[in-house]
C-alpha cells in the first residue's frame, strides 16, 4: 500500500484541492457572519447575505476602493450607502 500524502500534487488533484479550499473559506466566512449577527441563519439575513470579501489598500484620507467586479456583482453605484467590516490583514510598518 502507498501513502498518497508523499506524492506530489498532480494537475488533476490541484483543481480539486483549490476548489475545496475555496469552499472551506466561504463556510468560514458564513460562520463568522453568523457569530457577528447573533447566530441568525443566513437565509434570514436578506440583503446582508449578498456580501463581498476582498482585500484593498487604504489610500490617502483613509479611503478604500471597492473593485469593479464586486460593485457589478452587488449592483453598487456611486452614491449608494454600504456597510464595511474592516479586518486588518497585513501591516507594512517598520
PDB file of N, CA and C in Angstrom:
ATOM      1  N   UNK A   1       0.828  -1.169   0.000  1.00  0.00           N
ATOM      2  CA  UNK A   1       0.000   0.000   0.000  1.00  0.00           C
ATOM      3  C   UNK A   1       0.880   1.242   0.000  1.00  0.00           C
ATOM      4  N   UNK A   2       0.468   2.305  -0.726  1.00  0.00           N
ATOM      5  CA  UNK A   2       1.259   3.526  -0.792  1.00  0.00           C
ATOM      6  C   UNK A   2       0.569   4.630  -0.003  1.00  0.00           C
ATOM      7  N   UNK A   3       1.356   5.584   0.425  1.00  0.00           N
ATOM      8  CA  UNK A   3       0.834   6.735   1.163  1.00  0.00           C
ATOM      9  C   UNK A   3       0.707   7.903   0.190  1.00  0.00           C
ATOM     10  N   UNK A   4      -0.551   8.345  -0.101  1.00  0.00           N
ATOM     11  CA  UNK A   4      -0.792   9.415  -1.068  1.00  0.00           C
ATOM     12  C   UNK A   4      -0.232  10.759  -0.611  1.00  0.00           C
ATOM     13  N   UNK A   5      -0.018  10.953   0.692  1.00  0.00           N
ATOM     14  CA  UNK A   5       0.470  12.244   1.173  1.00  0.00           C
ATOM     15  C   UNK A   5       1.913  12.500   0.756  1.00  0.00           C
ATOM     16  N   UNK A   6       2.649  11.458   0.343  1.00  0.00           N
ATOM     17  CA  UNK A   6       4.032  11.629  -0.080  1.00  0.00           C
ATOM     18  C   UNK A   6       4.153  11.952  -1.567  1.00  0.00           C
ATOM     19  N   UNK A   7       3.055  11.835  -2.298  1.00  0.00           N
ATOM     20  CA  UNK A   7       3.080  12.090  -3.739  1.00  0.00           C
ATOM     21  C   UNK A   7       2.956  13.573  -4.024  1.00  0.00           C
ATOM     22  N   UNK A   8       3.626  14.057  -5.100  1.00  0.00           N
ATOM     23  CA  UNK A   8       3.431  15.458  -5.475  1.00  0.00           C
ATOM     24  C   UNK A   8       2.004  15.663  -5.972  1.00  0.00           C
ATOM     25  N   UNK A   9       1.520  16.884  -5.843  1.00  0.00           N
ATOM     26  CA  UNK A   9       0.166  17.200  -6.279  1.00  0.00           C
ATOM     27  C   UNK A   9       0.158  17.301  -7.801  1.00  0.00           C
ATOM     28  N   UNK A  10      -0.644  16.463  -8.448  1.00  0.00           N
ATOM     29  CA  UNK A  10      -0.757  16.485  -9.897  1.00  0.00           C
ATOM     30  C   UNK A  10      -1.822  17.476 -10.339  1.00  0.00           C
ATOM     31  N   UNK A  11      -1.890  17.773 -11.644  1.00  0.00           N
ATOM     32  CA  UNK A  11      -2.873  18.733 -12.153  1.00  0.00           C
ATOM     33  C   UNK A  11      -4.313  18.324 -11.836  1.00  0.00           C
ATOM     34  N   UNK A  12      -4.585  17.005 -11.823  1.00  0.00           N
ATOM     35  CA  UNK A  12      -5.941  16.532 -11.546  1.00  0.00           C
ATOM     36  C   UNK A  12      -6.344  16.868 -10.117  1.00  0.00           C
ATOM     37  N   UNK A  13      -5.419  16.689  -9.182  1.00  0.00           N
ATOM     38  CA  UNK A  13      -5.724  16.915  -7.780  1.00  0.00           C
ATOM     39  C   UNK A  13      -5.636  18.384  -7.394  1.00  0.00           C
ATOM     40  N   UNK A  14      -4.861  19.169  -8.122  1.00  0.00           N
ATOM     41  CA  UNK A  14      -4.690  20.576  -7.776  1.00  0.00           C
ATOM     42  C   UNK A  14      -6.013  21.319  -7.827  1.00  0.00           C
ATOM     43  N   UNK A  15      -6.781  21.137  -8.909  1.00  0.00           N
ATOM     44  CA  UNK A  15      -8.055  21.840  -9.044  1.00  0.00           C
ATOM     45  C   UNK A  15      -9.017  21.425  -7.938  1.00  0.00           C
ATOM     46  N   UNK A  16      -9.035  20.145  -7.606  1.00  0.00           N
ATOM     47  CA  UNK A  16      -9.906  19.657  -6.543  1.00  0.00           C
ATOM     48  C   UNK A  16      -9.516  20.294  -5.206  1.00  0.00           C
ATOM     49  N   UNK A  17      -8.219  20.340  -4.905  1.00  0.00           N
ATOM     50  CA  UNK A  17      -7.756  20.946  -3.656  1.00  0.00           C
ATOM     51  C   UNK A  17      -8.071  22.441  -3.633  1.00  0.00           C
ATOM     52  N   UNK A  18      -7.896  23.115  -4.761  1.00  0.00           N
ATOM     53  CA  UNK A  18      -8.169  24.543  -4.866  1.00  0.00           C
ATOM     54  C   UNK A  18      -9.648  24.817  -4.614  1.00  0.00           C
ATOM     55  N   UNK A  19     -10.524  24.019  -5.215  1.00  0.00           N
ATOM     56  CA  UNK A  19     -11.966  24.167  -5.048  1.00  0.00           C
ATOM     57  C   UNK A  19     -12.378  23.916  -3.603  1.00  0.00           C
ATOM     58  N   UNK A  20     -11.851  22.858  -3.003  1.00  0.00           N
ATOM     59  CA  UNK A  20     -12.192  22.540  -1.617  1.00  0.00           C
ATOM     60  C   UNK A  20     -11.732  23.657  -0.669  1.00  0.00           C
ATOM     61  N   UNK A  21     -10.576  24.218  -0.914  1.00  0.00           N
ATOM     62  CA  UNK A  21     -10.069  25.301  -0.075  1.00  0.00           C
ATOM     63  C   UNK A  21     -10.977  26.522  -0.188  1.00  0.00           C
ATOM     64  N   UNK A  22     -11.416  26.848  -1.386  1.00  0.00           N
ATOM     65  CA  UNK A  22     -12.338  27.969  -1.588  1.00  0.00           C
ATOM     66  C   UNK A  22     -13.660  27.753  -0.878  1.00  0.00           C
ATOM     67  N   UNK A  23     -14.186  26.518  -0.965  1.00  0.00           N
ATOM     68  CA  UNK A  23     -15.450  26.204  -0.294  1.00  0.00           C
ATOM     69  C   UNK A  23     -15.309  26.310   1.220  1.00  0.00           C
ATOM     70  N   UNK A  24     -14.169  25.879   1.754  1.00  0.00           N
ATOM     71  CA  UNK A  24     -13.931  25.979   3.190  1.00  0.00           C
ATOM     72  C   UNK A  24     -13.858  27.447   3.618  1.00  0.00           C
ATOM     73  N   UNK A  25     -13.261  28.291   2.789  1.00  0.00           N
ATOM     74  CA  UNK A  25     -13.165  29.720   3.110  1.00  0.00           C
ATOM     75  C   UNK A  25     -14.551  30.353   3.165  1.00  0.00           C
ATOM     76  N   UNK A  26     -15.421  30.008   2.221  1.00  0.00           N
ATOM     77  CA  UNK A  26     -16.783  30.543   2.214  1.00  0.00           C
ATOM     78  C   UNK A  26     -17.529  30.089   3.463  1.00  0.00           C
ATOM     79  N   UNK A  27     -17.405  28.820   3.827  1.00  0.00           N
ATOM     80  CA  UNK A  27     -18.066  28.314   5.028  1.00  0.00           C
ATOM     81  C   UNK A  27     -17.572  29.041   6.273  1.00  0.00           C
ATOM     82  N   UNK A  28     -16.279  29.296   6.346  1.00  0.00           N
ATOM     83  CA  UNK A  28     -15.705  30.010   7.494  1.00  0.00           C
ATOM     84  C   UNK A  28     -16.248  31.427   7.564  1.00  0.00           C
ATOM     85  N   UNK A  29     -16.343  32.112   6.410  1.00  0.00           N
ATOM     86  CA  UNK A  29     -16.887  33.472   6.385  1.00  0.00           C
ATOM     87  C   UNK A  29     -18.347  33.480   6.824  1.00  0.00           C
ATOM     88  N   UNK A  30     -19.131  32.501   6.386  1.00  0.00           N
ATOM     89  CA  UNK A  30     -20.529  32.435   6.782  1.00  0.00           C
ATOM     90  C   UNK A  30     -20.662  32.205   8.283  1.00  0.00           C
ATOM     91  N   UNK A  31     -19.825  31.352   8.845  1.00  0.00           N
ATOM     92  CA  UNK A  31     -19.847  31.117  10.289  1.00  0.00           C
ATOM     93  C   UNK A  31     -19.490  32.386  11.046  1.00  0.00           C
ATOM     94  N   UNK A  32     -18.510  33.143  10.557  1.00  0.00           N
ATOM     95  CA  UNK A  32     -18.127  34.401  11.191  1.00  0.00           C
ATOM     96  C   UNK A  32     -19.298  35.377  11.186  1.00  0.00           C
ATOM     97  N   UNK A  33     -19.990  35.490  10.052  1.00  0.00           N
ATOM     98  CA  UNK A  33     -21.153  36.370   9.974  1.00  0.00           C
ATOM     99  C   UNK A  33     -22.234  35.929  10.950  1.00  0.00           C
ATOM    100  N   UNK A  34     -22.472  34.636  11.049  1.00  0.00           N
ATOM    101  CA  UNK A  34     -23.480  34.128  11.989  1.00  0.00           C
ATOM    102  C   UNK A  34     -23.131  34.529  13.414  1.00  0.00           C
ATOM    103  N   UNK A  35     -21.868  34.397  13.782  1.00  0.00           N
ATOM    104  CA  UNK A  35     -21.436  34.769  15.126  1.00  0.00           C
ATOM    105  C   UNK A  35     -21.579  36.270  15.346  1.00  0.00           C
ATOM    106  N   UNK A  36     -21.205  37.061  14.350  1.00  0.00           N
ATOM    107  CA  UNK A  36     -21.272  38.518  14.483  1.00  0.00           C
ATOM    108  C   UNK A  36     -22.722  38.999  14.588  1.00  0.00           C
ATOM    109  N   UNK A  37     -23.639  38.287  13.957  1.00  0.00           N
ATOM    110  CA  UNK A  37     -25.035  38.732  13.915  1.00  0.00           C
ATOM    111  C   UNK A  37     -25.931  37.932  14.853  1.00  0.00           C
ATOM    112  N   UNK A  38     -25.349  37.370  15.891  1.00  0.00           N
ATOM    113  CA  UNK A  38     -26.134  36.703  16.918  1.00  0.00           C
ATOM    114  C   UNK A  38     -26.658  35.335  16.526  1.00  0.00           C
ATOM    115  N   UNK A  39     -25.996  34.633  15.649  1.00  0.00           N
ATOM    116  CA  UNK A  39     -26.387  33.276  15.292  1.00  0.00           C
ATOM    117  C   UNK A  39     -27.563  33.174  14.338  1.00  0.00           C
ATOM    118  N   UNK A  40     -27.933  34.272  13.685  1.00  0.00           N
ATOM    119  CA  UNK A  40     -29.048  34.220  12.732  1.00  0.00           C
ATOM    120  C   UNK A  40     -28.696  33.297  11.575  1.00  0.00           C
ATOM    121  N   UNK A  41     -29.678  32.629  11.038  1.00  0.00           N
ATOM    122  CA  UNK A  41     -29.492  31.772   9.870  1.00  0.00           C
ATOM    123  C   UNK A  41     -29.240  32.656   8.654  1.00  0.00           C
ATOM    124  N   UNK A  42     -28.348  32.229   7.766  1.00  0.00           N
ATOM    125  CA  UNK A  42     -28.014  33.040   6.586  1.00  0.00           C
ATOM    126  C   UNK A  42     -29.256  33.353   5.747  1.00  0.00           C
ATOM    127  N   UNK A  43     -30.252  32.465   5.727  1.00  0.00           N
ATOM    128  CA  UNK A  43     -31.455  32.732   4.943  1.00  0.00           C
ATOM    129  C   UNK A  43     -32.278  33.860   5.554  1.00  0.00           C
ATOM    130  N   UNK A  44     -32.062  34.189   6.828  1.00  0.00           N
ATOM    131  CA  UNK A  44     -32.786  35.258   7.494  1.00  0.00           C
ATOM    132  C   UNK A  44     -32.115  36.610   7.306  1.00  0.00           C
ATOM    133  N   UNK A  45     -30.959  36.632   6.751  1.00  0.00           N
ATOM    134  CA  UNK A  45     -30.192  37.867   6.684  1.00  0.00           C
ATOM    135  C   UNK A  45     -30.576  38.773   5.524  1.00  0.00           C
ATOM    136  N   UNK A  46     -31.379  38.280   4.585  1.00  0.00           N
ATOM    137  CA  UNK A  46     -31.843  39.108   3.480  1.00  0.00           C
ATOM    138  C   UNK A  46     -30.700  39.726   2.704  1.00  0.00           C
ATOM    139  N   UNK A  47     -30.676  41.054   2.659  1.00  0.00           N
ATOM    140  CA  UNK A  47     -29.665  41.779   1.881  1.00  0.00           C
ATOM    141  C   UNK A  47     -28.259  41.537   2.397  1.00  0.00           C
ATOM    142  N   UNK A  48     -28.107  41.245   3.692  1.00  0.00           N
ATOM    143  CA  UNK A  48     -26.775  41.029   4.249  1.00  0.00           C
ATOM    144  C   UNK A  48     -26.130  39.790   3.651  1.00  0.00           C
ATOM    145  N   UNK A  49     -26.927  38.830   3.203  1.00  0.00           N
ATOM    146  CA  UNK A  49     -26.353  37.609   2.626  1.00  0.00           C
ATOM    147  C   UNK A  49     -25.685  37.875   1.287  1.00  0.00           C
ATOM    148  N   UNK A  50     -25.934  39.033   0.709  1.00  0.00           N
ATOM    149  CA  UNK A  50     -25.270  39.410  -0.534  1.00  0.00           C
ATOM    150  C   UNK A  50     -24.040  40.231  -0.160  1.00  0.00           C
ATOM    151  N   UNK A  51     -22.954  39.542   0.097  1.00  0.00           N
ATOM    152  CA  UNK A  51     -21.733  40.209   0.569  1.00  0.00           C
ATOM    153  C   UNK A  51     -20.581  39.946  -0.383  1.00  0.00           C
ATOM    154  N   UNK A  52     -19.543  40.712  -0.212  1.00  0.00           N
ATOM    155  CA  UNK A  52     -18.315  40.522  -0.975  1.00  0.00           C
ATOM    156  C   UNK A  52     -17.148  40.563   0.000  1.00  0.00           C
ATOM    157  N   UNK A  53     -16.169  39.726  -0.234  1.00  0.00           N
ATOM    158  CA  UNK A  53     -14.950  39.728   0.564  1.00  0.00           C
ATOM    159  C   UNK A  53     -13.784  39.971  -0.372  1.00  0.00           C
ATOM    160  N   UNK A  54     -13.001  40.994  -0.081  1.00  0.00           N
ATOM    161  CA  UNK A  54     -11.851  41.320  -0.920  1.00  0.00           C
ATOM    162  C   UNK A  54     -10.842  42.076  -0.077  1.00  0.00           C
ATOM    163  N   UNK A  55      -9.627  42.138  -0.562  1.00  0.00           N
ATOM    164  CA  UNK A  55      -8.577  42.908   0.095  1.00  0.00           C
ATOM    165  C   UNK A  55      -8.335  44.168  -0.721  1.00  0.00           C
ATOM    166  N   UNK A  56      -8.073  45.253  -0.024  1.00  0.00           N
ATOM    167  CA  UNK A  56      -7.780  46.514  -0.688  1.00  0.00           C
ATOM    168  C   UNK A  56      -6.815  47.307   0.177  1.00  0.00           C
ATOM    169  N   UNK A  57      -6.144  48.248  -0.411  1.00  0.00           N
ATOM    170  CA  UNK A  57      -5.170  49.068   0.311  1.00  0.00           C
ATOM    171  C   UNK A  57      -5.829  50.379   0.740  1.00  0.00           C
ATOM    172  N   UNK A  58      -5.559  50.832   1.946  1.00  0.00           N
ATOM    173  CA  UNK A  58      -6.075  52.107   2.434  1.00  0.00           C
ATOM    174  C   UNK A  58      -5.299  53.219   1.736  1.00  0.00           C
ATOM    175  N   UNK A  59      -6.044  54.144   1.134  1.00  0.00           N
ATOM    176  CA  UNK A  59      -5.445  55.247   0.395  1.00  0.00           C
ATOM    177  C   UNK A  59      -5.433  56.504   1.259  1.00  0.00           C
ATOM    178  N   UNK A  60      -4.958  57.601   0.703  1.00  0.00           N
ATOM    179  CA  UNK A  60      -4.876  58.847   1.475  1.00  0.00           C
ATOM    180  C   UNK A  60      -6.257  59.233   1.991  1.00  0.00           C
ATOM    181  N   UNK A  61      -6.271  59.791   3.174  1.00  0.00           N
ATOM    182  CA  UNK A  61      -7.538  60.205   3.781  1.00  0.00           C
ATOM    183  C   UNK A  61      -8.361  59.040   4.294  1.00  0.00           C
ATOM    184  N   UNK A  62      -7.773  57.835   4.350  1.00  0.00           N
ATOM    185  CA  UNK A  62      -8.495  56.665   4.844  1.00  0.00           C
ATOM    186  C   UNK A  62      -9.446  56.060   3.828  1.00  0.00           C
ATOM    187  N   UNK A  63      -9.322  56.421   2.581  1.00  0.00           N
ATOM    188  CA  UNK A  63     -10.232  55.918   1.548  1.00  0.00           C
ATOM    189  C   UNK A  63      -9.864  54.493   1.138  1.00  0.00           C
ATOM    190  N   UNK A  64     -10.904  53.699   0.838  1.00  0.00           N
ATOM    191  CA  UNK A  64     -10.709  52.371   0.261  1.00  0.00           C
ATOM    192  C   UNK A  64     -11.557  52.281  -0.999  1.00  0.00           C
ATOM    193  N   UNK A  65     -11.176  51.407  -1.912  1.00  0.00           N
ATOM    194  CA  UNK A  65     -11.908  51.229  -3.164  1.00  0.00           C
ATOM    195  C   UNK A  65     -12.558  49.852  -3.201  1.00  0.00           C
ATOM    196  N   UNK A  66     -13.774  49.805  -3.738  1.00  0.00           N
ATOM    197  CA  UNK A  66     -14.457  48.534  -3.970  1.00  0.00           C
ATOM    198  C   UNK A  66     -14.153  48.142  -5.415  1.00  0.00           C
ATOM    199  N   UNK A  67     -13.579  46.954  -5.643  1.00  0.00           N
ATOM    200  CA  UNK A  67     -13.236  46.546  -7.009  1.00  0.00           C
ATOM    201  C   UNK A  67     -14.459  46.528  -7.939  1.00  0.00           C
ATOM    202  N   UNK A  68     -14.209  46.786  -9.234  1.00  0.00           N
ATOM    203  CA  UNK A  68     -15.279  46.813 -10.237  1.00  0.00           C
ATOM    204  C   UNK A  68     -16.154  45.567 -10.192  1.00  0.00           C
ATOM    205  N   UNK A  69     -15.525  44.391 -10.134  1.00  0.00           N
ATOM    206  CA  UNK A  69     -16.287  43.139 -10.165  1.00  0.00           C
ATOM    207  C   UNK A  69     -17.250  43.038  -8.982  1.00  0.00           C
ATOM    208  N   UNK A  70     -16.809  43.507  -7.817  1.00  0.00           N
ATOM    209  CA  UNK A  70     -17.669  43.461  -6.628  1.00  0.00           C
ATOM    210  C   UNK A  70     -18.818  44.451  -6.762  1.00  0.00           C
ATOM    211  N   UNK A  71     -18.528  45.645  -7.292  1.00  0.00           N
ATOM    212  CA  UNK A  71     -19.600  46.636  -7.483  1.00  0.00           C
ATOM    213  C   UNK A  71     -20.637  46.125  -8.468  1.00  0.00           C
ATOM    214  N   UNK A  72     -20.180  45.486  -9.534  1.00  0.00           N
ATOM    215  CA  UNK A  72     -21.117  44.952 -10.522  1.00  0.00           C
ATOM    216  C   UNK A  72     -21.947  43.809  -9.933  1.00  0.00           C
ATOM    217  N   UNK A  73     -21.288  42.893  -9.229  1.00  0.00           N
ATOM    218  CA  UNK A  73     -21.986  41.736  -8.672  1.00  0.00           C
ATOM    219  C   UNK A  73     -23.051  42.142  -7.652  1.00  0.00           C
ATOM    220  N   UNK A  74     -22.786  43.202  -6.896  1.00  0.00           N
ATOM    221  CA  UNK A  74     -23.718  43.640  -5.857  1.00  0.00           C
ATOM    222  C   UNK A  74     -24.568  44.837  -6.284  1.00  0.00           C
ATOM    223  N   UNK A  75     -24.428  45.235  -7.552  1.00  0.00           N
ATOM    224  CA  UNK A  75     -25.182  46.358  -8.106  1.00  0.00           C
ATOM    225  C   UNK A  75     -25.001  47.619  -7.271  1.00  0.00           C
ATOM    226  N   UNK A  76     -23.741  47.938  -6.944  1.00  0.00           N
ATOM    227  CA  UNK A  76     -23.408  49.129  -6.170  1.00  0.00           C
ATOM    228  C   UNK A  76     -23.035  50.245  -7.138  1.00  0.00           C
ATOM    229  N   UNK A  77     -23.665  51.392  -6.966  1.00  0.00           N
ATOM    230  CA  UNK A  77     -23.391  52.537  -7.818  1.00  0.00           C
ATOM    231  C   UNK A  77     -22.898  53.709  -6.980  1.00  0.00           C
ATOM    232  N   UNK A  78     -22.301  54.699  -7.642  1.00  0.00           N
ATOM    233  CA  UNK A  78     -21.820  55.896  -6.952  1.00  0.00           C
ATOM    234  C   UNK A  78     -22.974  56.532  -6.189  1.00  0.00           C
ATOM    235  N   UNK A  79     -22.718  56.885  -4.940  1.00  0.00           N
ATOM    236  CA  UNK A  79     -23.740  57.499  -4.099  1.00  0.00           C
ATOM    237  C   UNK A  79     -24.482  56.513  -3.210  1.00  0.00           C
ATOM    238  N   UNK A  80     -24.379  55.202  -3.506  1.00  0.00           N
ATOM    239  CA  UNK A  80     -25.016  54.192  -2.654  1.00  0.00           C
ATOM    240  C   UNK A  80     -24.335  54.172  -1.287  1.00  0.00           C
ATOM    241  N   UNK A  81     -25.098  53.859  -0.267  1.00  0.00           N
ATOM    242  CA  UNK A  81     -24.540  53.704   1.069  1.00  0.00           C
ATOM    243  C   UNK A  81     -24.307  52.220   1.304  1.00  0.00           C
ATOM    244  N   UNK A  82     -23.105  51.865   1.742  1.00  0.00           N
ATOM    245  CA  UNK A  82     -22.741  50.477   2.015  1.00  0.00           C
ATOM    246  C   UNK A  82     -22.158  50.387   3.422  1.00  0.00           C
ATOM    247  N   UNK A  83     -22.126  49.197   3.952  1.00  0.00           N
ATOM    248  CA  UNK A  83     -21.511  48.973   5.256  1.00  0.00           C
ATOM    249  C   UNK A  83     -20.270  48.132   5.058  1.00  0.00           C
ATOM    250  N   UNK A  84     -19.192  48.512   5.724  1.00  0.00           N
ATOM    251  CA  UNK A  84     -17.929  47.791   5.607  1.00  0.00           C
ATOM    252  C   UNK A  84     -17.527  47.229   6.967  1.00  0.00           C
ATOM    253  N   UNK A  85     -17.014  45.999   6.959  1.00  0.00           N
ATOM    254  CA  UNK A  85     -16.423  45.394   8.143  1.00  0.00           C
ATOM    255  C   UNK A  85     -14.933  45.308   7.860  1.00  0.00           C
ATOM    256  N   UNK A  86     -14.116  45.943   8.670  1.00  0.00           N
ATOM    257  CA  UNK A  86     -12.689  46.049   8.402  1.00  0.00           C
ATOM    258  C   UNK A  86     -11.900  45.110   9.306  1.00  0.00           C
ATOM    259  N   UNK A  87     -11.077  44.260   8.701  1.00  0.00           N
ATOM    260  CA  UNK A  87     -10.187  43.360   9.423  1.00  0.00           C
ATOM    261  C   UNK A  87      -8.783  43.556   8.864  1.00  0.00           C
ATOM    262  N   UNK A  88      -7.868  44.174   9.617  1.00  0.00           N
ATOM    263  CA  UNK A  88      -6.501  44.347   9.102  1.00  0.00           C
ATOM    264  C   UNK A  88      -5.862  42.986   8.822  1.00  0.00           C
ATOM    265  N   UNK A  89      -5.213  42.833   7.655  1.00  0.00           N
ATOM    266  CA  UNK A  89      -4.584  41.559   7.315  1.00  0.00           C
ATOM    267  C   UNK A  89      -3.071  41.636   7.285  1.00  0.00           C
ATOM    268  N   UNK A  90      -2.506  42.804   6.999  1.00  0.00           N
ATOM    269  CA  UNK A  90      -1.055  42.923   6.933  1.00  0.00           C
ATOM    270  C   UNK A  90      -0.673  44.377   7.142  1.00  0.00           C
ATOM    271  N   UNK A  91       0.355  44.579   7.904  1.00  0.00           N
ATOM    272  CA  UNK A  91       0.840  45.933   8.133  1.00  0.00           C
ATOM    273  C   UNK A  91       2.265  46.035   7.636  1.00  0.00           C
ATOM    274  N   UNK A  92       2.540  47.014   6.789  1.00  0.00           N
ATOM    275  CA  UNK A  92       3.873  47.209   6.216  1.00  0.00           C
ATOM    276  C   UNK A  92       4.658  48.254   6.980  1.00  0.00           C
ATOM    277  N   UNK A  93       4.399  48.393   8.255  1.00  0.00           N
ATOM    278  CA  UNK A  93       5.098  49.398   9.063  1.00  0.00           C
ATOM    279  C   UNK A  93       6.395  48.845   9.605  1.00  0.00           C
ATOM    280  N   UNK A  94       7.339  49.736   9.817  1.00  0.00           N
ATOM    281  CA  UNK A  94       8.616  49.318  10.382  1.00  0.00           C
ATOM    282  C   UNK A  94       8.667  49.627  11.853  1.00  0.00           C
TER     283      UNK A  94
END
